[in-house]
Amino acid sequence: MKKILLLSDTHSYIDDRILHYAEQADEVWHAGDIGDLKVTDTLKKVKLLRAVYGNIDDAEARKEFPLNAVFECEGMKVWITHIGGYPGKYPTRIKEGFMLYKPDVFICGHSHILKVQYDKQYQCLTMNPGAAGTHGFHQMRTMLRFEIANGKMQNLEVIELGKRG
């Protein structure tokens, strides 16, 4: 079993609340728009980090992190990318990726809108953790945490970190 902390859209912001939850996880997954690499450098000191770059991330972040992270975790195939859309509203690149990767879990960020939804067409769980940073239009800073064991996700929780301002 693995305990996962999922966050996105930190936009160069990290605080003790994020680190508190990172310390409780086995792995931290970041779905892009990292901003300053001090965010991921700090997270890597705490736990194993898997991350992708987002549209605001510079050349240095794009050298360190991929556009897509596709991997298996405890029997589940996971695909993380930054700009992904949601069921029924995917860009062409994402539709092609579903055919190629066939994930059990599809994770993206970008919208700053927390959403967890099952996609019947592609038979996978889609997840967007919202935004953990303080930059953007979102009101509440959010992350997700869950466990994966034997090919199943369990104990999914929304973590509210407080108001953006």
N, C-alpha and C. Protein backbone atom coordinates (compact mmCIF):
# COMPACT_ATOMS: atom_id res chain seq x y z
N MET A 1 0.83 -1.18 0.00
CA MET A 1 0.00 0.00 0.00
C MET A 1 0.88 1.25 0.00
N LYS A 2 0.46 2.24 -0.79
CA LYS A 2 1.16 3.53 -0.84
C LYS A 2 0.19 4.64 -0.48
N LYS A 3 0.65 5.55 0.35
CA LYS A 3 -0.10 6.76 0.67
C LYS A 3 0.41 7.88 -0.24
N ILE A 4 -0.50 8.50 -0.98
CA ILE A 4 -0.14 9.50 -1.98
C ILE A 4 -0.70 10.86 -1.59
N LEU A 5 0.12 11.90 -1.73
CA LEU A 5 -0.34 13.28 -1.64
C LEU A 5 -0.27 13.84 -3.06
N LEU A 6 -1.39 14.37 -3.54
CA LEU A 6 -1.48 14.91 -4.90
C LEU A 6 -1.73 16.40 -4.83
N LEU A 7 -0.87 17.17 -5.46
CA LEU A 7 -1.05 18.61 -5.51
C LEU A 7 -0.70 19.15 -6.88
N SER A 8 -1.06 20.39 -7.12
CA SER A 8 -0.80 21.04 -8.40
C SER A 8 -0.82 22.54 -8.20
N ASP A 9 -0.33 23.24 -9.20
CA ASP A 9 -0.45 24.69 -9.27
C ASP A 9 0.01 25.39 -7.99
N THR A 10 1.23 25.08 -7.59
CA THR A 10 1.82 25.75 -6.42
C THR A 10 2.30 27.15 -6.79
N HIS A 11 2.63 27.37 -8.05
CA HIS A 11 3.05 28.69 -8.52
C HIS A 11 4.09 29.32 -7.59
N SER A 12 5.14 28.56 -7.28
CA SER A 12 6.29 28.99 -6.46
C SER A 12 6.00 29.04 -4.97
N TYR A 13 4.85 28.57 -4.54
CA TYR A 13 4.48 28.66 -3.13
C TYR A 13 4.53 27.31 -2.44
N ILE A 14 5.18 27.28 -1.30
CA ILE A 14 5.15 26.09 -0.44
C ILE A 14 5.17 26.59 1.00
N ASP A 15 4.45 25.87 1.85
CA ASP A 15 4.41 26.28 3.26
C ASP A 15 4.45 25.05 4.16
N ASP A 16 4.43 25.29 5.45
CA ASP A 16 4.50 24.20 6.43
C ASP A 16 3.29 23.28 6.37
N ARG A 17 2.14 23.80 5.98
CA ARG A 17 0.94 22.95 5.89
C ARG A 17 1.12 21.91 4.78
N ILE A 18 1.62 22.34 3.63
CA ILE A 18 1.88 21.39 2.54
C ILE A 18 2.90 20.35 2.99
N LEU A 19 3.95 20.81 3.62
CA LEU A 19 5.01 19.90 4.08
C LEU A 19 4.51 18.93 5.15
N HIS A 20 3.63 19.38 5.99
CA HIS A 20 3.04 18.51 7.02
C HIS A 20 2.37 17.31 6.36
N TYR A 21 1.57 17.55 5.34
CA TYR A 21 0.89 16.46 4.65
C TYR A 21 1.86 15.63 3.81
N ALA A 22 2.86 16.26 3.25
CA ALA A 22 3.87 15.52 2.48
C ALA A 22 4.60 14.52 3.37
N GLU A 23 4.89 14.91 4.59
CA GLU A 23 5.59 14.01 5.52
C GLU A 23 4.77 12.78 5.85
N GLN A 24 3.45 12.87 5.78
CA GLN A 24 2.57 11.74 6.09
C GLN A 24 2.42 10.77 4.92
N ALA A 25 2.83 11.19 3.74
CA ALA A 25 2.67 10.38 2.52
C ALA A 25 3.89 9.50 2.27
N ASP A 26 3.71 8.50 1.41
CA ASP A 26 4.84 7.72 0.92
C ASP A 26 5.43 8.38 -0.33
N GLU A 27 4.54 8.97 -1.15
CA GLU A 27 4.96 9.66 -2.37
C GLU A 27 4.15 10.94 -2.50
N VAL A 28 4.77 11.95 -3.13
CA VAL A 28 4.10 13.20 -3.45
C VAL A 28 4.08 13.31 -4.97
N TRP A 29 2.89 13.59 -5.53
CA TRP A 29 2.73 13.77 -6.96
C TRP A 29 2.32 15.20 -7.22
N HIS A 30 3.05 15.88 -8.12
CA HIS A 30 2.78 17.30 -8.45
C HIS A 30 2.40 17.38 -9.92
N ALA A 31 1.18 17.89 -10.19
CA ALA A 31 0.64 17.92 -11.55
C ALA A 31 0.91 19.24 -12.28
N GLY A 32 2.05 19.86 -12.03
CA GLY A 32 2.51 20.98 -12.84
C GLY A 32 2.16 22.37 -12.33
N ASP A 33 2.74 23.36 -13.04
CA ASP A 33 2.77 24.76 -12.61
C ASP A 33 3.44 24.84 -11.24
N ILE A 34 4.66 24.34 -11.24
CA ILE A 34 5.51 24.32 -10.05
C ILE A 34 5.92 25.74 -9.69
N GLY A 35 6.36 26.49 -10.71
CA GLY A 35 6.91 27.82 -10.47
C GLY A 35 8.38 27.67 -10.12
N ASP A 36 8.79 28.22 -9.02
CA ASP A 36 10.18 28.14 -8.56
C ASP A 36 10.50 26.69 -8.17
N LEU A 37 11.64 26.18 -8.64
CA LEU A 37 12.03 24.80 -8.34
C LEU A 37 12.35 24.58 -6.87
N LYS A 38 12.38 25.64 -6.07
CA LYS A 38 12.56 25.44 -4.62
C LYS A 38 11.39 24.62 -4.07
N VAL A 39 10.22 24.71 -4.71
CA VAL A 39 9.05 23.93 -4.28
C VAL A 39 9.36 22.45 -4.41
N THR A 40 9.77 22.02 -5.59
CA THR A 40 10.04 20.59 -5.80
C THR A 40 11.31 20.15 -5.08
N ASP A 41 12.31 21.03 -4.99
CA ASP A 41 13.53 20.69 -4.24
C ASP A 41 13.18 20.41 -2.77
N THR A 42 12.30 21.23 -2.21
CA THR A 42 11.88 21.05 -0.82
C THR A 42 11.08 19.76 -0.66
N LEU A 43 10.15 19.50 -1.57
CA LEU A 43 9.35 18.28 -1.49
C LEU A 43 10.22 17.03 -1.64
N LYS A 44 11.23 17.09 -2.51
CA LYS A 44 12.11 15.93 -2.72
C LYS A 44 12.91 15.58 -1.47
N LYS A 45 13.15 16.56 -0.62
CA LYS A 45 13.87 16.32 0.64
C LYS A 45 12.99 15.56 1.64
N VAL A 46 11.68 15.65 1.45
CA VAL A 46 10.73 15.05 2.39
C VAL A 46 10.33 13.64 1.94
N LYS A 47 9.95 13.49 0.67
CA LYS A 47 9.44 12.21 0.15
C LYS A 47 9.79 12.03 -1.31
N LEU A 48 9.57 10.81 -1.81
CA LEU A 48 9.71 10.56 -3.24
C LEU A 48 8.73 11.46 -3.98
N LEU A 49 9.22 12.17 -4.99
CA LEU A 49 8.40 13.11 -5.75
C LEU A 49 8.30 12.66 -7.20
N ARG A 50 7.09 12.67 -7.72
CA ARG A 50 6.84 12.50 -9.15
C ARG A 50 6.16 13.78 -9.59
N ALA A 51 6.66 14.42 -10.64
CA ALA A 51 6.10 15.70 -11.07
C ALA A 51 6.20 15.85 -12.58
N VAL A 52 5.34 16.74 -13.10
CA VAL A 52 5.38 17.14 -14.51
C VAL A 52 5.46 18.66 -14.54
N TYR A 53 5.92 19.20 -15.66
CA TYR A 53 5.95 20.66 -15.77
C TYR A 53 4.60 21.16 -16.29
N GLY A 54 4.32 22.42 -15.98
CA GLY A 54 3.09 23.06 -16.44
C GLY A 54 3.39 24.22 -17.35
N ASN A 55 2.36 24.90 -17.78
CA ASN A 55 2.52 25.97 -18.77
C ASN A 55 3.29 27.18 -18.24
N ILE A 56 3.31 27.40 -16.92
CA ILE A 56 4.08 28.55 -16.40
C ILE A 56 5.53 28.19 -16.11
N ASP A 57 5.87 26.92 -16.19
CA ASP A 57 7.20 26.48 -15.79
C ASP A 57 8.24 26.78 -16.86
N ASP A 58 9.42 27.20 -16.39
CA ASP A 58 10.49 27.65 -17.28
C ASP A 58 11.31 26.48 -17.84
N ALA A 59 12.33 26.83 -18.62
CA ALA A 59 13.17 25.82 -19.28
C ALA A 59 13.86 24.92 -18.27
N GLU A 60 14.23 25.47 -17.12
CA GLU A 60 14.91 24.66 -16.09
C GLU A 60 13.97 23.57 -15.57
N ALA A 61 12.72 23.91 -15.30
CA ALA A 61 11.74 22.92 -14.84
C ALA A 61 11.46 21.90 -15.94
N ARG A 62 11.43 22.36 -17.18
CA ARG A 62 11.14 21.46 -18.30
C ARG A 62 12.29 20.49 -18.57
N LYS A 63 13.49 20.86 -18.14
CA LYS A 63 14.62 19.93 -18.23
C LYS A 63 14.53 18.86 -17.15
N GLU A 64 14.05 19.26 -15.98
CA GLU A 64 14.00 18.33 -14.85
C GLU A 64 12.79 17.42 -14.87
N PHE A 65 11.65 17.94 -15.34
CA PHE A 65 10.41 17.18 -15.28
C PHE A 65 9.81 17.02 -16.68
N PRO A 66 9.10 15.90 -16.92
CA PRO A 66 8.51 15.66 -18.24
C PRO A 66 7.15 16.34 -18.41
N LEU A 67 6.65 16.35 -19.63
CA LEU A 67 5.29 16.79 -19.93
C LEU A 67 4.29 15.77 -19.41
N ASN A 68 4.62 14.49 -19.55
CA ASN A 68 3.79 13.37 -19.11
C ASN A 68 4.59 12.47 -18.19
N ALA A 69 3.98 12.05 -17.11
CA ALA A 69 4.57 11.00 -16.26
C ALA A 69 3.60 9.83 -16.31
N VAL A 70 4.07 8.71 -16.82
CA VAL A 70 3.24 7.51 -16.91
C VAL A 70 3.99 6.41 -16.16
N PHE A 71 3.32 5.82 -15.18
CA PHE A 71 3.99 4.83 -14.32
C PHE A 71 2.93 3.95 -13.67
N GLU A 72 3.40 2.88 -13.04
CA GLU A 72 2.51 2.01 -12.29
C GLU A 72 2.77 2.19 -10.81
N CYS A 73 1.70 2.21 -10.04
CA CYS A 73 1.80 2.32 -8.59
C CYS A 73 0.86 1.31 -7.97
N GLU A 74 1.43 0.33 -7.29
CA GLU A 74 0.62 -0.67 -6.57
C GLU A 74 -0.47 -1.29 -7.44
N GLY A 75 -0.13 -1.57 -8.69
CA GLY A 75 -1.06 -2.24 -9.59
C GLY A 75 -1.99 -1.32 -10.37
N MET A 76 -1.82 0.01 -10.23
CA MET A 76 -2.64 0.95 -11.01
C MET A 76 -1.74 1.70 -11.97
N LYS A 77 -2.18 1.83 -13.22
CA LYS A 77 -1.44 2.61 -14.21
C LYS A 77 -1.89 4.06 -14.10
N VAL A 78 -0.92 4.95 -13.91
CA VAL A 78 -1.18 6.36 -13.64
C VAL A 78 -0.58 7.20 -14.77
N TRP A 79 -1.33 8.20 -15.20
CA TRP A 79 -0.84 9.19 -16.17
C TRP A 79 -1.07 10.57 -15.56
N ILE A 80 0.03 11.33 -15.42
CA ILE A 80 -0.05 12.70 -14.93
C ILE A 80 0.44 13.63 -16.04
N THR A 81 -0.32 14.68 -16.31
CA THR A 81 0.07 15.76 -17.21
C THR A 81 -0.55 17.04 -16.67
N HIS A 82 -0.13 18.19 -17.12
CA HIS A 82 -0.65 19.42 -16.51
C HIS A 82 -2.00 19.84 -17.11
N ILE A 83 -2.04 20.06 -18.41
CA ILE A 83 -3.27 20.51 -19.05
C ILE A 83 -3.97 19.29 -19.64
N GLY A 84 -5.12 18.93 -19.06
CA GLY A 84 -5.76 17.70 -19.50
C GLY A 84 -7.23 17.79 -19.79
N GLY A 85 -7.92 18.74 -19.22
CA GLY A 85 -9.37 18.80 -19.41
C GLY A 85 -10.07 17.86 -18.47
N TYR A 86 -11.26 17.44 -18.86
CA TYR A 86 -12.06 16.54 -18.03
C TYR A 86 -12.98 15.74 -18.94
N PRO A 87 -13.63 14.71 -18.40
CA PRO A 87 -14.43 13.84 -19.26
C PRO A 87 -15.38 14.61 -20.18
N GLY A 88 -15.31 14.26 -21.46
CA GLY A 88 -16.12 14.91 -22.47
C GLY A 88 -15.52 16.19 -23.02
N LYS A 89 -14.46 16.68 -22.42
CA LYS A 89 -13.83 17.96 -22.82
C LYS A 89 -12.31 17.84 -22.86
N TYR A 90 -11.81 16.79 -23.50
CA TYR A 90 -10.36 16.61 -23.60
C TYR A 90 -9.83 17.18 -24.91
N PRO A 91 -8.66 17.82 -24.88
CA PRO A 91 -8.01 18.19 -26.14
C PRO A 91 -7.53 16.93 -26.88
N THR A 92 -7.24 17.07 -28.16
CA THR A 92 -6.82 15.94 -29.00
C THR A 92 -5.63 15.19 -28.40
N ARG A 93 -4.63 15.93 -27.91
CA ARG A 93 -3.43 15.29 -27.35
C ARG A 93 -3.80 14.33 -26.22
N ILE A 94 -4.77 14.71 -25.42
CA ILE A 94 -5.17 13.87 -24.29
C ILE A 94 -5.94 12.65 -24.78
N LYS A 95 -6.83 12.82 -25.73
CA LYS A 95 -7.56 11.68 -26.29
C LYS A 95 -6.58 10.66 -26.87
N GLU A 96 -5.57 11.14 -27.57
CA GLU A 96 -4.55 10.25 -28.12
C GLU A 96 -3.78 9.54 -27.01
N GLY A 97 -3.50 10.27 -25.93
CA GLY A 97 -2.80 9.68 -24.79
C GLY A 97 -3.60 8.58 -24.11
N PHE A 98 -4.91 8.75 -24.03
CA PHE A 98 -5.74 7.69 -23.46
C PHE A 98 -5.61 6.40 -24.26
N MET A 99 -5.57 6.52 -25.57
CA MET A 99 -5.44 5.34 -26.43
C MET A 99 -4.06 4.71 -26.27
N LEU A 100 -3.04 5.54 -26.11
CA LEU A 100 -1.67 5.06 -25.99
C LEU A 100 -1.37 4.47 -24.61
N TYR A 101 -1.71 5.22 -23.55
CA TYR A 101 -1.32 4.84 -22.19
C TYR A 101 -2.32 3.93 -21.49
N LYS A 102 -3.61 4.05 -21.82
CA LYS A 102 -4.67 3.27 -21.17
C LYS A 102 -4.55 3.32 -19.64
N PRO A 103 -4.60 4.52 -19.05
CA PRO A 103 -4.41 4.63 -17.60
C PRO A 103 -5.65 4.19 -16.82
N ASP A 104 -5.42 3.77 -15.58
CA ASP A 104 -6.50 3.55 -14.62
C ASP A 104 -6.86 4.87 -13.94
N VAL A 105 -5.84 5.73 -13.81
CA VAL A 105 -6.00 7.03 -13.17
C VAL A 105 -5.36 8.09 -14.07
N PHE A 106 -6.12 9.13 -14.39
CA PHE A 106 -5.62 10.26 -15.17
C PHE A 106 -5.64 11.50 -14.28
N ILE A 107 -4.48 12.15 -14.15
CA ILE A 107 -4.34 13.29 -13.25
C ILE A 107 -3.85 14.50 -14.04
N CYS A 108 -4.50 15.64 -13.80
CA CYS A 108 -4.04 16.89 -14.38
C CYS A 108 -4.27 18.02 -13.39
N GLY A 109 -3.77 19.18 -13.71
CA GLY A 109 -3.96 20.38 -12.91
C GLY A 109 -4.52 21.47 -13.80
N HIS A 110 -3.91 22.64 -13.76
CA HIS A 110 -4.15 23.76 -14.64
C HIS A 110 -5.40 24.58 -14.35
N SER A 111 -6.53 23.95 -14.15
CA SER A 111 -7.79 24.70 -14.02
C SER A 111 -7.96 25.36 -12.65
N HIS A 112 -7.20 24.91 -11.66
CA HIS A 112 -7.35 25.34 -10.26
C HIS A 112 -8.69 24.91 -9.68
N ILE A 113 -9.39 24.01 -10.36
CA ILE A 113 -10.69 23.52 -9.91
C ILE A 113 -10.56 22.07 -9.49
N LEU A 114 -10.79 21.79 -8.22
CA LEU A 114 -10.72 20.44 -7.71
C LEU A 114 -11.87 19.62 -8.32
N LYS A 115 -11.51 18.49 -8.91
CA LYS A 115 -12.54 17.64 -9.53
C LYS A 115 -12.04 16.21 -9.55
N VAL A 116 -12.89 15.30 -9.10
CA VAL A 116 -12.62 13.87 -9.20
C VAL A 116 -13.85 13.26 -9.85
N GLN A 117 -13.62 12.58 -10.98
CA GLN A 117 -14.76 12.08 -11.77
C GLN A 117 -14.34 10.81 -12.50
N TYR A 118 -15.23 9.85 -12.56
CA TYR A 118 -14.96 8.64 -13.33
C TYR A 118 -15.33 8.88 -14.78
N ASP A 119 -14.43 8.54 -15.69
CA ASP A 119 -14.68 8.68 -17.12
C ASP A 119 -15.08 7.32 -17.67
N LYS A 120 -16.36 7.17 -18.00
CA LYS A 120 -16.87 5.89 -18.51
C LYS A 120 -16.29 5.56 -19.87
N GLN A 121 -16.08 6.58 -20.71
CA GLN A 121 -15.57 6.32 -22.06
C GLN A 121 -14.18 5.67 -22.02
N TYR A 122 -13.29 6.21 -21.20
CA TYR A 122 -11.92 5.69 -21.13
C TYR A 122 -11.71 4.77 -19.93
N GLN A 123 -12.74 4.53 -19.17
CA GLN A 123 -12.71 3.63 -18.03
C GLN A 123 -11.56 3.94 -17.07
N CYS A 124 -11.52 5.20 -16.65
CA CYS A 124 -10.49 5.58 -15.69
C CYS A 124 -11.00 6.69 -14.78
N LEU A 125 -10.36 6.81 -13.65
CA LEU A 125 -10.68 7.87 -12.71
C LEU A 125 -9.87 9.10 -13.10
N THR A 126 -10.53 10.24 -13.25
CA THR A 126 -9.83 11.49 -13.56
C THR A 126 -9.79 12.33 -12.30
N MET A 127 -8.64 12.95 -12.05
CA MET A 127 -8.44 13.71 -10.82
C MET A 127 -7.73 15.02 -11.11
N ASN A 128 -8.22 16.08 -10.50
CA ASN A 128 -7.54 17.37 -10.50
C ASN A 128 -7.58 17.84 -9.05
N PRO A 129 -6.41 18.04 -8.42
CA PRO A 129 -6.38 18.40 -7.00
C PRO A 129 -6.68 19.87 -6.71
N GLY A 130 -7.01 20.64 -7.73
CA GLY A 130 -7.19 22.08 -7.52
C GLY A 130 -5.83 22.75 -7.45
N ALA A 131 -5.70 23.81 -6.68
CA ALA A 131 -4.44 24.55 -6.59
C ALA A 131 -4.00 24.67 -5.14
N ALA A 132 -2.74 24.33 -4.88
CA ALA A 132 -2.18 24.42 -3.52
C ALA A 132 -1.50 25.76 -3.27
N GLY A 133 -1.27 26.52 -4.34
CA GLY A 133 -0.58 27.80 -4.21
C GLY A 133 -1.51 28.95 -3.91
N THR A 134 -0.95 30.14 -3.88
CA THR A 134 -1.72 31.34 -3.54
C THR A 134 -1.99 32.22 -4.75
N HIS A 135 -1.50 31.84 -5.93
CA HIS A 135 -1.68 32.63 -7.15
C HIS A 135 -2.79 32.02 -7.99
N GLY A 136 -3.74 32.84 -8.41
CA GLY A 136 -4.82 32.36 -9.27
C GLY A 136 -6.17 32.84 -8.78
N PHE A 137 -7.22 32.36 -9.43
CA PHE A 137 -8.57 32.82 -9.13
C PHE A 137 -9.28 31.95 -8.09
N HIS A 138 -8.72 30.79 -7.76
CA HIS A 138 -9.37 29.90 -6.80
C HIS A 138 -9.49 30.58 -5.43
N GLN A 139 -10.49 30.20 -4.68
CA GLN A 139 -10.68 30.77 -3.35
C GLN A 139 -10.00 29.93 -2.27
N MET A 140 -10.17 28.61 -2.34
CA MET A 140 -9.63 27.70 -1.35
C MET A 140 -8.45 26.94 -1.94
N ARG A 141 -7.36 26.88 -1.21
CA ARG A 141 -6.20 26.08 -1.61
C ARG A 141 -6.49 24.63 -1.26
N THR A 142 -6.30 23.73 -2.23
CA THR A 142 -6.66 22.33 -2.02
C THR A 142 -5.60 21.36 -2.53
N MET A 143 -5.63 20.16 -1.96
CA MET A 143 -4.84 19.02 -2.40
C MET A 143 -5.71 17.78 -2.20
N LEU A 144 -5.24 16.65 -2.69
CA LEU A 144 -5.91 15.37 -2.47
C LEU A 144 -4.93 14.40 -1.85
N ARG A 145 -5.44 13.52 -1.02
CA ARG A 145 -4.62 12.40 -0.57
C ARG A 145 -5.45 11.14 -0.61
N PHE A 146 -4.75 10.03 -0.86
CA PHE A 146 -5.43 8.74 -1.01
C PHE A 146 -4.40 7.64 -0.86
N GLU A 147 -4.89 6.43 -0.83
CA GLU A 147 -4.03 5.25 -0.77
C GLU A 147 -4.31 4.39 -2.00
N ILE A 148 -3.26 3.71 -2.46
CA ILE A 148 -3.41 2.74 -3.53
C ILE A 148 -2.88 1.41 -3.01
N ALA A 149 -3.71 0.38 -3.14
CA ALA A 149 -3.32 -0.96 -2.70
C ALA A 149 -3.97 -1.98 -3.62
N ASN A 150 -3.18 -2.93 -4.07
CA ASN A 150 -3.69 -4.03 -4.89
C ASN A 150 -4.55 -3.56 -6.06
N GLY A 151 -4.09 -2.52 -6.76
CA GLY A 151 -4.80 -2.03 -7.94
C GLY A 151 -6.05 -1.25 -7.65
N LYS A 152 -6.25 -0.83 -6.41
CA LYS A 152 -7.45 -0.08 -6.03
C LYS A 152 -7.08 1.18 -5.25
N MET A 153 -7.85 2.23 -5.50
CA MET A 153 -7.69 3.46 -4.76
C MET A 153 -8.67 3.44 -3.59
N GLN A 154 -8.21 3.94 -2.44
CA GLN A 154 -9.07 3.96 -1.26
C GLN A 154 -8.76 5.18 -0.40
N ASN A 155 -9.68 5.49 0.48
CA ASN A 155 -9.51 6.57 1.46
C ASN A 155 -9.15 7.91 0.83
N LEU A 156 -9.85 8.25 -0.23
CA LEU A 156 -9.64 9.53 -0.90
C LEU A 156 -10.15 10.66 -0.02
N GLU A 157 -9.32 11.67 0.19
CA GLU A 157 -9.67 12.84 1.02
C GLU A 157 -9.30 14.12 0.31
N VAL A 158 -10.15 15.13 0.47
CA VAL A 158 -9.83 16.49 0.04
C VAL A 158 -9.19 17.18 1.23
N ILE A 159 -8.05 17.83 0.97
CA ILE A 159 -7.39 18.62 2.01
C ILE A 159 -7.56 20.09 1.65
N GLU A 160 -8.18 20.83 2.54
CA GLU A 160 -8.31 22.27 2.36
C GLU A 160 -7.23 22.94 3.18
N LEU A 161 -6.42 23.75 2.50
CA LEU A 161 -5.27 24.41 3.14
C LEU A 161 -5.59 25.83 3.61
N GLY A 162 -6.78 26.29 3.37
CA GLY A 162 -7.16 27.64 3.75
C GLY A 162 -7.37 28.51 2.53
N LYS A 163 -7.83 29.71 2.78
CA LYS A 163 -8.11 30.66 1.70
C LYS A 163 -6.82 31.06 0.98
N ARG A 164 -6.97 31.35 -0.29
CA ARG A 164 -5.83 31.72 -1.14
C ARG A 164 -5.12 32.96 -0.64
N GLY A 165 -5.87 33.95 -0.21
CA GLY A 165 -5.31 35.23 0.18
C GLY A 165 -4.58 35.17 1.46
